[in-house]
Amino acid sequence: MTKKIATAGWGLYPVVTATVRRARYRRDLRDGTETTVLAQGNCRSYGDACLHDSVVSTLPLKHLLSFDAARGLLRAEAGVTIEEIIRFAVPRGFFPPVTPGTKFTTLGGCIAADVHGKNHHADGSIAAFIRDLDMVLADGTAVRCSRRERPDLFWATLGGMGLTGFVYAATVQLKKIGSAYIKQRVIKTTDFAETCRVFAETQSQYTYSAAWIDCLKKGRRLGRGLVLLGEHADGVEAGKDPLQLHAEGKFDVPLFFPGFALNTWSMGLFNRAFYHRQLRRERAGLVHYDPYFYPLDAIHRWNRIYGRKGFLQYQVVVPYRDGEAIMADLLSRIAARGIPSLLTVLKSFGPQSEGLLSFPTAGYTLALDIPLRDGSLIPFLRELNKTVVQAQGRVYLAKDAILESEDFAAMYPHLDQFKAVKRKYDPQHRFRSRLSDRLGIT
């Protein structure tokens, strides 16, 4: 059964009217008659990576297929969400090994984006924990790939944005935990140099780290923020009911906010209140995994806060070499423009995976949510992209809607190798997206 619906990523821009076919069984991935097609999950990527004129929704493929409790190996279909994995795993003393900032992404989507989390500096991306992939290729052939079996397909698919074939199922190594709680340490910083220094001094001591940045501050207070460090608590530290699951979100945004609601003045007030809610330089405490990893999931449809025009999530990474100075320059230009980002996050990355189009590489990464207000924003961000290219950094494809093909080619050194693998397994170029067409990934 197919139908046409208007679809968008979580940023609500752009919007594409697509023919949607739902896959309920593996055979449904082989039975399509579309000339070109894209697998689509829960549309939690931000730009146009999940968009195409013809898509196959994998959301009905949401079965947990097997679990090896002794080794923590879970095999699940691609449409299973991180939230569903958590509800199964936490009561058994396990947790996803890597998680993005929302638990409503699908396993297939996490694989396509080779997602990273607050622990990349310690553990790497999701690719490090995927044991094998069951796929359906462009000609309908069902294959399995791994580090030993069809490794070229395996590493092209991890981070390949769904362009190599349908992922039907995957085996993932879960993390053993003693409780559902995180021992959190929050350090208040006065400027960007101190924020980077705290990362350098603490990242070897903590599995999880990220910093909220006040993106509107300039001059001596440029880059001030709150560094959030974390480690899993054991059962004794957690106390009563140590493996407690999260509750459903309590709030909802039923309507789109007016376009003027998020502006420099309102966000300045929010940032000031958020920064000064912590009076001391440091505090420590125990926090449940849900508000630690997924603070915005408590608000259903929070993307409507940005209005009907939507927003861009802009995320870049630059290598540690000169990375602090380059990030300070980007922040300075963003602050000078008065961009009212609701959530500006800085993280540090460890070594990159072998995924041919994987985003993370050793360095600093900065992510901002930017409301779409006028036509001058996209040219401004493209100017920033030129600086990122010169620094040998890159833009995250799972959040991109504005990158130009020549900058993309300069950012991803294994692009030609990826294209060769894609031609091998998809010679008719069946798997396409708005992102792949925009960037010329053929």
Protein backbone atom coordinates (compact mmCIF):
# COMPACT_ATOMS: atom_id res chain seq x y z
CA MET A 1 0.00 0.00 0.00
CA THR A 2 1.35 3.38 -0.96
CA LYS A 3 0.24 6.95 -0.39
CA LYS A 4 1.53 10.45 -1.02
CA ILE A 5 2.30 12.65 1.96
CA ALA A 6 4.29 15.80 2.67
CA THR A 7 7.42 14.82 4.59
CA ALA A 8 10.24 16.70 6.26
CA GLY A 9 13.10 15.99 8.61
CA TRP A 10 13.04 17.20 12.20
CA GLY A 11 14.16 20.67 11.11
CA LEU A 12 10.92 21.01 9.07
CA TYR A 13 12.98 22.20 6.08
CA PRO A 14 12.80 21.32 3.26
CA VAL A 15 9.40 19.68 2.70
CA VAL A 16 8.96 17.02 0.00
CA THR A 17 5.74 15.39 -1.24
CA ALA A 18 6.66 11.72 -1.38
CA THR A 19 5.11 8.42 -2.31
CA VAL A 20 5.46 6.29 0.83
CA ARG A 21 5.37 2.49 0.86
CA ARG A 22 5.53 0.68 4.19
CA ALA A 23 7.70 -2.42 4.64
CA ARG A 24 6.31 -4.92 7.15
CA TYR A 25 8.50 -7.89 6.21
CA ARG A 26 11.92 -8.35 4.65
CA ARG A 27 10.26 -9.42 1.41
CA ASP A 28 8.64 -5.99 1.20
CA LEU A 29 12.11 -4.51 0.72
CA ARG A 30 12.54 -6.68 -2.39
CA ASP A 31 9.11 -6.20 -3.93
CA GLY A 32 9.25 -2.53 -4.85
CA THR A 33 8.73 -1.27 -8.39
CA GLU A 34 10.14 2.23 -7.81
CA THR A 35 12.77 3.41 -10.25
CA THR A 36 14.57 5.19 -7.42
CA VAL A 37 13.92 4.85 -3.72
CA LEU A 38 15.16 5.63 -0.21
CA ALA A 39 14.65 3.85 3.10
CA GLN A 40 13.04 6.20 5.62
CA GLY A 41 12.88 5.77 9.37
CA ASN A 42 11.43 8.15 11.96
CA CYS A 43 12.60 11.33 10.14
CA ARG A 44 14.75 12.50 13.06
CA SER A 45 17.60 13.68 10.86
CA TYR A 46 17.35 17.41 10.30
CA GLY A 47 17.91 18.32 6.66
CA ASP A 48 17.12 16.41 3.47
CA ALA A 49 19.03 13.17 4.10
CA CYS A 50 15.78 11.25 4.80
CA LEU A 51 13.83 12.80 1.92
CA HIS A 52 13.10 11.57 -1.60
CA ASP A 53 10.13 11.50 -3.97
CA SER A 54 9.68 7.78 -3.31
CA VAL A 55 10.46 6.23 0.07
CA VAL A 56 10.01 2.92 1.86
CA SER A 57 9.14 3.38 5.51
CA THR A 58 10.96 0.87 7.72
CA LEU A 59 9.00 1.83 10.85
CA PRO A 60 6.89 -1.38 10.76
CA LEU A 61 10.15 -3.40 10.88
CA LYS A 62 10.41 -3.08 14.64
CA HIS A 63 11.03 -6.57 15.95
CA LEU A 64 13.78 -7.60 18.35
CA LEU A 65 15.00 -10.80 16.72
CA SER A 66 17.42 -12.28 19.25
CA PHE A 67 19.43 -11.43 22.36
CA ASP A 68 22.55 -13.06 23.77
CA ALA A 69 22.45 -11.98 27.43
CA ALA A 70 25.88 -13.41 28.18
CA ARG A 71 27.56 -11.22 25.55
CA GLY A 72 25.05 -8.39 25.34
CA LEU A 73 24.45 -8.90 21.62
CA LEU A 74 21.08 -7.72 20.33
CA ARG A 75 19.84 -8.42 16.82
CA ALA A 76 16.99 -6.15 15.77
CA GLU A 77 15.18 -4.93 12.68
CA ALA A 78 16.01 -1.52 11.26
CA GLY A 79 12.77 0.18 12.32
CA VAL A 80 13.32 -0.41 16.03
CA THR A 81 13.93 2.89 17.83
CA ILE A 82 16.58 3.58 20.43
CA GLU A 83 13.72 4.09 22.89
CA GLU A 84 12.42 0.57 22.23
CA ILE A 85 15.92 -0.84 22.67
CA ILE A 86 16.23 1.02 25.99
CA ARG A 87 12.91 -0.36 27.27
CA PHE A 88 14.14 -3.87 26.51
CA ALA A 89 17.76 -3.45 27.59
CA VAL A 90 17.76 -1.36 30.78
CA PRO A 91 15.75 -3.82 32.94
CA ARG A 92 18.31 -6.45 31.88
CA GLY A 93 21.26 -4.25 32.86
CA PHE A 94 22.25 -2.97 29.41
CA PHE A 95 22.19 0.35 27.55
CA PRO A 96 22.83 1.46 23.95
CA PRO A 97 26.61 1.76 23.50
CA VAL A 98 26.26 5.05 21.59
CA THR A 99 23.22 7.28 21.49
CA PRO A 100 22.43 10.57 19.76
CA GLY A 101 20.54 13.37 21.52
CA THR A 102 17.13 11.80 20.96
CA LYS A 103 15.94 8.28 21.68
CA PHE A 104 13.36 8.38 18.89
CA THR A 105 15.80 7.61 16.07
CA THR A 106 15.63 4.18 14.47
CA LEU A 107 18.46 1.66 14.50
CA GLY A 108 18.60 1.87 10.71
CA GLY A 109 18.85 5.66 10.88
CA CYS A 110 21.66 5.45 13.44
CA ILE A 111 23.57 3.11 11.13
CA ALA A 112 23.00 5.31 8.08
CA ALA A 113 24.40 8.34 9.94
CA ASP A 114 27.02 6.39 11.94
CA VAL A 115 25.77 8.36 14.93
CA HIS A 116 27.97 9.63 17.71
CA GLY A 117 27.17 10.62 21.27
CA LYS A 118 28.70 12.22 24.32
CA ASN A 119 31.17 9.33 24.56
CA HIS A 120 32.84 9.54 21.16
CA HIS A 121 36.16 10.61 22.68
CA ALA A 122 36.12 7.38 24.71
CA ASP A 123 34.20 4.83 22.64
CA GLY A 124 33.82 6.09 19.07
CA SER A 125 30.68 6.04 16.95
CA ILE A 126 27.97 3.37 16.62
CA ALA A 127 30.13 1.69 13.95
CA ALA A 128 32.41 0.35 16.68
CA PHE A 129 29.51 -1.68 18.11
CA ILE A 130 27.79 -3.00 14.97
CA ARG A 131 28.74 -6.63 14.41
CA ASP A 132 26.92 -7.29 11.13
CA LEU A 133 24.21 -5.99 8.83
CA ASP A 134 21.49 -7.88 6.97
CA MET A 135 20.76 -5.94 3.79
CA VAL A 136 18.62 -6.04 0.67
CA LEU A 137 20.48 -4.73 -2.37
CA ALA A 138 19.18 -2.83 -5.38
CA ASP A 139 18.55 -6.04 -7.35
CA GLY A 140 16.59 -7.58 -4.46
CA THR A 141 19.41 -9.84 -3.27
CA ALA A 142 19.54 -10.41 0.50
CA VAL A 143 23.10 -10.34 1.84
CA ARG A 144 24.94 -10.10 5.14
CA CYS A 145 27.99 -7.90 5.57
CA SER A 146 30.47 -7.38 8.39
CA ARG A 147 34.14 -6.59 8.96
CA ARG A 148 35.00 -9.95 7.39
CA GLU A 149 32.16 -10.56 4.93
CA ARG A 150 31.74 -7.89 2.22
CA PRO A 151 33.67 -5.33 4.31
CA ASP A 152 33.48 -2.77 1.49
CA LEU A 153 29.67 -2.75 1.71
CA PHE A 154 29.79 -2.75 5.51
CA TRP A 155 31.97 0.37 5.75
CA ALA A 156 30.12 2.17 2.96
CA THR A 157 26.78 1.55 4.69
CA LEU A 158 27.92 2.77 8.12
CA GLY A 159 27.59 6.51 7.60
CA GLY A 160 26.43 6.03 3.98
CA MET A 161 23.11 7.83 4.51
CA GLY A 162 21.03 4.94 3.16
CA LEU A 163 22.56 5.08 -0.32
CA THR A 164 23.99 1.54 -0.54
CA GLY A 165 20.83 -0.52 0.01
CA PHE A 166 18.10 -1.37 2.51
CA VAL A 167 19.27 -2.31 6.01
CA TYR A 168 16.84 -4.98 7.20
CA ALA A 169 18.47 -5.87 10.53
CA ALA A 170 21.67 -5.42 12.51
CA THR A 171 23.50 -7.00 15.42
CA VAL A 172 24.66 -4.45 17.97
CA GLN A 173 26.85 -4.85 21.05
CA LEU A 174 25.09 -3.30 24.05
CA LYS A 175 26.86 -1.71 27.04
CA LYS A 176 26.63 -3.42 30.43
CA ILE A 177 25.43 -1.04 33.17
CA GLY A 178 24.81 -1.27 36.89
CA SER A 179 21.98 1.25 36.99
CA ALA A 180 19.88 3.66 34.94
CA TYR A 181 21.60 6.64 36.56
CA ILE A 182 24.52 8.85 35.63
CA LYS A 183 26.99 10.40 38.06
CA GLN A 184 27.09 13.92 36.66
CA ARG A 185 29.62 16.67 37.25
CA VAL A 186 28.86 20.15 35.89
CA ILE A 187 31.62 22.73 35.52
CA LYS A 188 30.80 26.36 34.80
CA THR A 189 33.25 28.08 32.44
CA THR A 190 33.77 31.77 31.78
CA ASP A 191 35.02 31.66 28.17
CA PHE A 192 35.80 29.32 25.29
CA ALA A 193 39.44 28.82 26.25
CA GLU A 194 38.38 27.55 29.67
CA THR A 195 35.74 25.29 28.12
CA CYS A 196 38.36 23.67 25.90
CA ARG A 197 40.78 23.40 28.82
CA VAL A 198 38.18 21.57 30.92
CA PHE A 199 37.64 19.12 28.06
CA ALA A 200 41.38 18.48 27.79
CA GLU A 201 41.79 17.97 31.53
CA THR A 202 38.76 15.74 32.12
CA GLN A 203 37.91 13.71 29.02
CA SER A 204 40.24 10.87 29.99
CA GLN A 205 38.43 10.59 33.34
CA TYR A 206 34.83 10.44 32.08
CA THR A 207 33.01 8.33 29.52
CA TYR A 208 30.58 11.12 28.66
CA SER A 209 31.23 14.80 28.09
CA ALA A 210 29.53 17.72 26.32
CA ALA A 211 29.21 21.45 26.86
CA TRP A 212 26.29 23.82 26.49
CA ILE A 213 27.56 27.09 25.00
CA ASP A 214 26.02 30.57 25.29
CA CYS A 215 26.31 31.38 21.59
CA LEU A 216 25.25 35.03 22.00
CA LYS A 217 28.14 36.10 24.21
CA LYS A 218 31.00 38.09 22.66
CA GLY A 219 34.38 39.41 23.69
CA ARG A 220 35.80 38.14 26.97
CA ARG A 221 32.75 35.93 27.59
CA LEU A 222 32.76 34.33 24.13
CA GLY A 223 32.08 30.61 24.44
CA ARG A 224 31.20 30.57 28.14
CA GLY A 225 29.14 27.55 29.10
CA LEU A 226 28.46 24.52 31.23
CA VAL A 227 30.52 21.36 30.75
CA LEU A 228 28.51 18.24 31.60
CA LEU A 229 30.61 15.19 32.49
CA GLY A 230 29.13 11.79 33.25
CA GLU A 231 29.76 8.20 34.23
CA HIS A 232 27.33 5.32 34.79
CA ALA A 233 26.48 4.83 38.46
CA ASP A 234 26.43 1.33 39.91
CA GLY A 235 23.45 -0.20 41.66
CA VAL A 236 24.61 0.74 45.16
CA GLU A 237 25.14 4.38 44.19
CA ALA A 238 21.74 4.52 42.47
CA GLY A 239 19.88 3.12 45.48
CA LYS A 240 16.28 1.96 45.29
CA ASP A 241 15.02 0.73 41.90
CA PRO A 242 18.39 1.20 40.16
CA LEU A 243 17.15 0.08 36.72
CA GLN A 244 14.12 2.35 36.54
CA LEU A 245 12.91 3.15 33.04
CA HIS A 246 12.03 6.62 31.78
CA ALA A 247 8.51 8.01 31.85
CA GLU A 248 6.60 9.32 28.86
CA GLY A 249 7.16 12.97 27.94
CA LYS A 250 4.93 15.30 29.93
CA PHE A 251 4.74 18.28 27.61
CA ASP A 252 3.64 18.95 24.05
CA VAL A 253 3.86 21.86 21.62
CA PRO A 254 0.41 21.68 19.97
CA LEU A 255 0.90 24.69 17.69
CA PHE A 256 3.71 26.33 15.75
CA PHE A 257 5.22 29.31 17.56
CA PRO A 258 5.11 32.64 15.71
CA GLY A 259 8.29 33.34 13.75
CA PHE A 260 9.36 36.20 15.99
CA ALA A 261 9.21 34.19 19.26
CA LEU A 262 12.84 33.10 19.11
CA ASN A 263 14.98 36.19 18.75
CA THR A 264 18.20 37.63 20.15
CA TRP A 265 16.39 39.24 23.09
CA SER A 266 14.35 36.19 24.18
CA MET A 267 17.27 33.79 23.71
CA GLY A 268 19.56 36.16 25.58
CA LEU A 269 17.23 35.94 28.57
CA PHE A 270 17.05 32.15 28.30
CA ASN A 271 20.82 31.76 28.02
CA ARG A 272 21.46 34.06 30.97
CA ALA A 273 18.99 32.17 33.17
CA PHE A 274 20.31 28.76 32.07
CA TYR A 275 23.93 29.76 32.72
CA HIS A 276 23.34 31.39 36.10
CA ARG A 277 21.04 28.69 37.48
CA GLN A 278 24.28 27.11 38.70
CA LEU A 279 25.72 29.53 41.23
CA ARG A 280 28.90 27.65 42.07
CA ARG A 281 31.65 26.77 39.61
CA GLU A 282 31.07 23.05 40.11
CA ARG A 283 28.29 20.77 41.23
CA ALA A 284 27.86 17.02 41.21
CA GLY A 285 24.90 14.71 41.57
CA LEU A 286 22.99 11.70 40.33
CA VAL A 287 20.72 12.09 37.31
CA HIS A 288 18.57 9.60 35.40
CA TYR A 289 19.71 8.68 31.89
CA ASP A 290 16.64 10.29 30.31
CA PRO A 291 17.30 13.96 31.20
CA TYR A 292 21.05 13.44 30.85
CA PHE A 293 21.01 12.06 27.30
CA TYR A 294 17.59 13.20 26.03
CA PRO A 295 16.54 16.47 27.68
CA LEU A 296 14.42 17.66 24.74
CA ASP A 297 12.55 14.36 24.40
CA ALA A 298 10.45 15.44 27.39
CA ILE A 299 8.74 17.92 25.05
CA HIS A 300 6.81 16.32 22.20
CA ARG A 301 7.08 18.18 18.87
CA TRP A 302 9.52 20.71 20.31
CA ASN A 303 10.61 21.52 16.76
CA ARG A 304 7.43 23.59 16.41
CA ILE A 305 9.02 26.19 18.68
CA TYR A 306 10.93 27.38 15.62
CA GLY A 307 7.79 28.20 13.65
CA ARG A 308 6.43 26.97 10.35
CA LYS A 309 9.55 27.91 8.39
CA GLY A 310 11.54 25.46 10.49
CA PHE A 311 15.22 25.63 11.34
CA LEU A 312 18.64 24.43 10.31
CA GLN A 313 20.79 22.36 12.60
CA TYR A 314 24.35 23.24 11.71
CA GLN A 315 27.03 20.86 12.96
CA VAL A 316 30.71 20.92 12.03
CA VAL A 317 33.91 19.31 13.26
CA VAL A 318 37.44 20.71 12.96
CA PRO A 319 40.67 18.89 13.89
CA TYR A 320 42.33 19.60 17.24
CA ARG A 321 45.24 21.20 15.41
CA ASP A 322 44.25 24.90 15.54
CA GLY A 323 40.76 23.67 16.43
CA GLU A 324 40.30 25.93 19.43
CA ALA A 325 41.16 29.06 17.43
CA ILE A 326 38.96 28.03 14.49
CA MET A 327 35.97 27.23 16.71
CA ALA A 328 36.44 30.55 18.53
CA ASP A 329 36.39 32.31 15.16
CA LEU A 330 33.17 30.51 14.14
CA LEU A 331 31.54 31.34 17.48
CA SER A 332 32.62 34.96 17.19
CA ARG A 333 31.04 35.30 13.75
CA ILE A 334 27.87 33.57 14.91
CA ALA A 335 27.62 35.82 17.97
CA ALA A 336 28.25 38.94 15.88
CA ARG A 337 25.32 37.98 13.68
CA GLY A 338 23.13 37.44 16.76
CA ILE A 339 22.00 33.93 15.84
CA PRO A 340 19.49 32.81 18.52
CA SER A 341 20.31 29.11 18.84
CA LEU A 342 18.12 27.36 21.41
CA LEU A 343 20.70 24.63 21.91
CA THR A 344 24.40 25.11 21.15
CA VAL A 345 26.52 22.09 22.04
CA LEU A 346 30.28 21.54 21.93
CA LYS A 347 31.81 18.06 22.12
CA SER A 348 35.21 16.51 21.57
CA PHE A 349 35.74 13.59 19.21
CA GLY A 350 38.17 10.71 19.26
CA PRO A 351 39.55 8.94 16.15
CA GLN A 352 37.15 8.45 13.24
CA SER A 353 35.72 5.09 12.27
CA GLU A 354 36.37 3.34 8.96
CA GLY A 355 32.98 4.42 7.63
CA LEU A 356 33.69 6.02 4.27
CA LEU A 357 31.29 8.92 4.81
CA SER A 358 31.32 8.94 8.62
CA PHE A 359 31.26 12.43 10.10
CA PRO A 360 33.33 12.26 13.32
CA THR A 361 37.05 12.86 13.17
CA ALA A 362 39.38 13.72 16.04
CA GLY A 363 38.67 17.33 16.98
CA TYR A 364 36.04 19.72 18.33
CA THR A 365 32.46 19.58 17.07
CA LEU A 366 29.90 22.36 17.40
CA ALA A 367 26.15 22.04 16.78
CA LEU A 368 23.56 24.83 16.68
CA ASP A 369 19.80 25.01 16.06
CA ILE A 370 19.22 28.10 13.90
CA PRO A 371 15.73 29.44 13.03
CA LEU A 372 15.07 30.10 9.35
CA ARG A 373 14.10 33.75 9.17
CA ASP A 374 15.38 35.28 5.94
CA GLY A 375 17.35 34.45 2.84
CA SER A 376 20.65 35.72 4.22
CA LEU A 377 21.17 32.86 6.68
CA ILE A 378 22.12 30.17 4.16
CA PRO A 379 24.79 32.30 2.41
CA PHE A 380 26.22 33.12 5.86
CA LEU A 381 26.48 29.44 6.81
CA ARG A 382 28.05 28.64 3.46
CA GLU A 383 30.72 31.23 4.26
CA LEU A 384 31.39 29.36 7.51
CA ASN A 385 31.66 26.14 5.49
CA LYS A 386 34.55 27.65 3.54
CA THR A 387 36.42 28.15 6.82
CA VAL A 388 35.65 24.54 7.80
CA VAL A 389 37.00 23.29 4.47
CA GLN A 390 40.23 25.25 4.94
CA ALA A 391 40.59 23.71 8.39
CA GLN A 392 40.13 20.19 6.92
CA GLY A 393 36.92 19.78 8.87
CA ARG A 394 33.49 18.65 7.73
CA VAL A 395 29.75 19.16 8.05
CA TYR A 396 27.47 16.43 9.45
CA LEU A 397 25.35 15.07 6.58
CA ALA A 398 22.55 13.87 8.87
CA LYS A 399 21.88 17.49 9.84
CA ASP A 400 22.69 19.26 6.59
CA ALA A 401 20.39 21.06 4.15
CA ILE A 402 22.68 23.68 2.60
CA LEU A 403 26.14 22.20 1.90
CA GLU A 404 27.43 22.72 -1.65
CA SER A 405 28.81 19.82 -3.69
CA GLU A 406 32.34 21.23 -4.09
CA ASP A 407 32.69 21.81 -0.34
CA PHE A 408 31.30 18.35 0.38
CA ALA A 409 33.87 16.75 -1.92
CA ALA A 410 36.66 18.66 -0.17
CA MET A 411 35.44 17.65 3.29
CA TYR A 412 35.11 13.88 2.75
CA PRO A 413 38.42 12.38 1.52
CA HIS A 414 36.96 8.89 0.93
CA LEU A 415 34.13 10.08 -1.33
CA ASP A 416 35.53 8.49 -4.50
CA GLN A 417 35.97 5.19 -2.69
CA PHE A 418 32.37 5.39 -1.49
CA LYS A 419 31.13 6.11 -5.01
CA ALA A 420 32.98 3.06 -6.33
CA VAL A 421 31.35 0.80 -3.72
CA LYS A 422 27.94 2.30 -4.47
CA ARG A 423 28.37 1.67 -8.20
CA LYS A 424 29.34 -1.93 -7.42
CA TYR A 425 26.23 -2.71 -5.36
CA ASP A 426 23.81 -0.19 -6.92
CA PRO A 427 24.90 0.16 -10.57
CA GLN A 428 21.58 1.67 -11.66
CA HIS A 429 21.78 4.29 -8.92
CA ARG A 430 18.45 3.19 -7.47
CA PHE A 431 19.06 4.44 -3.92
CA ARG A 432 18.87 8.22 -3.90
CA SER A 433 17.86 11.08 -1.63
CA ARG A 434 17.45 14.83 -1.91
CA LEU A 435 20.80 15.10 -0.15
CA SER A 436 22.58 12.75 -2.57
CA ASP A 437 21.14 14.60 -5.58
CA ARG A 438 22.18 17.97 -4.12
CA LEU A 439 25.71 16.80 -3.38
CA GLY A 440 26.20 14.76 -6.53
CA ILE A 441 26.72 11.38 -4.85
CA THR A 442 26.39 9.10 -7.86
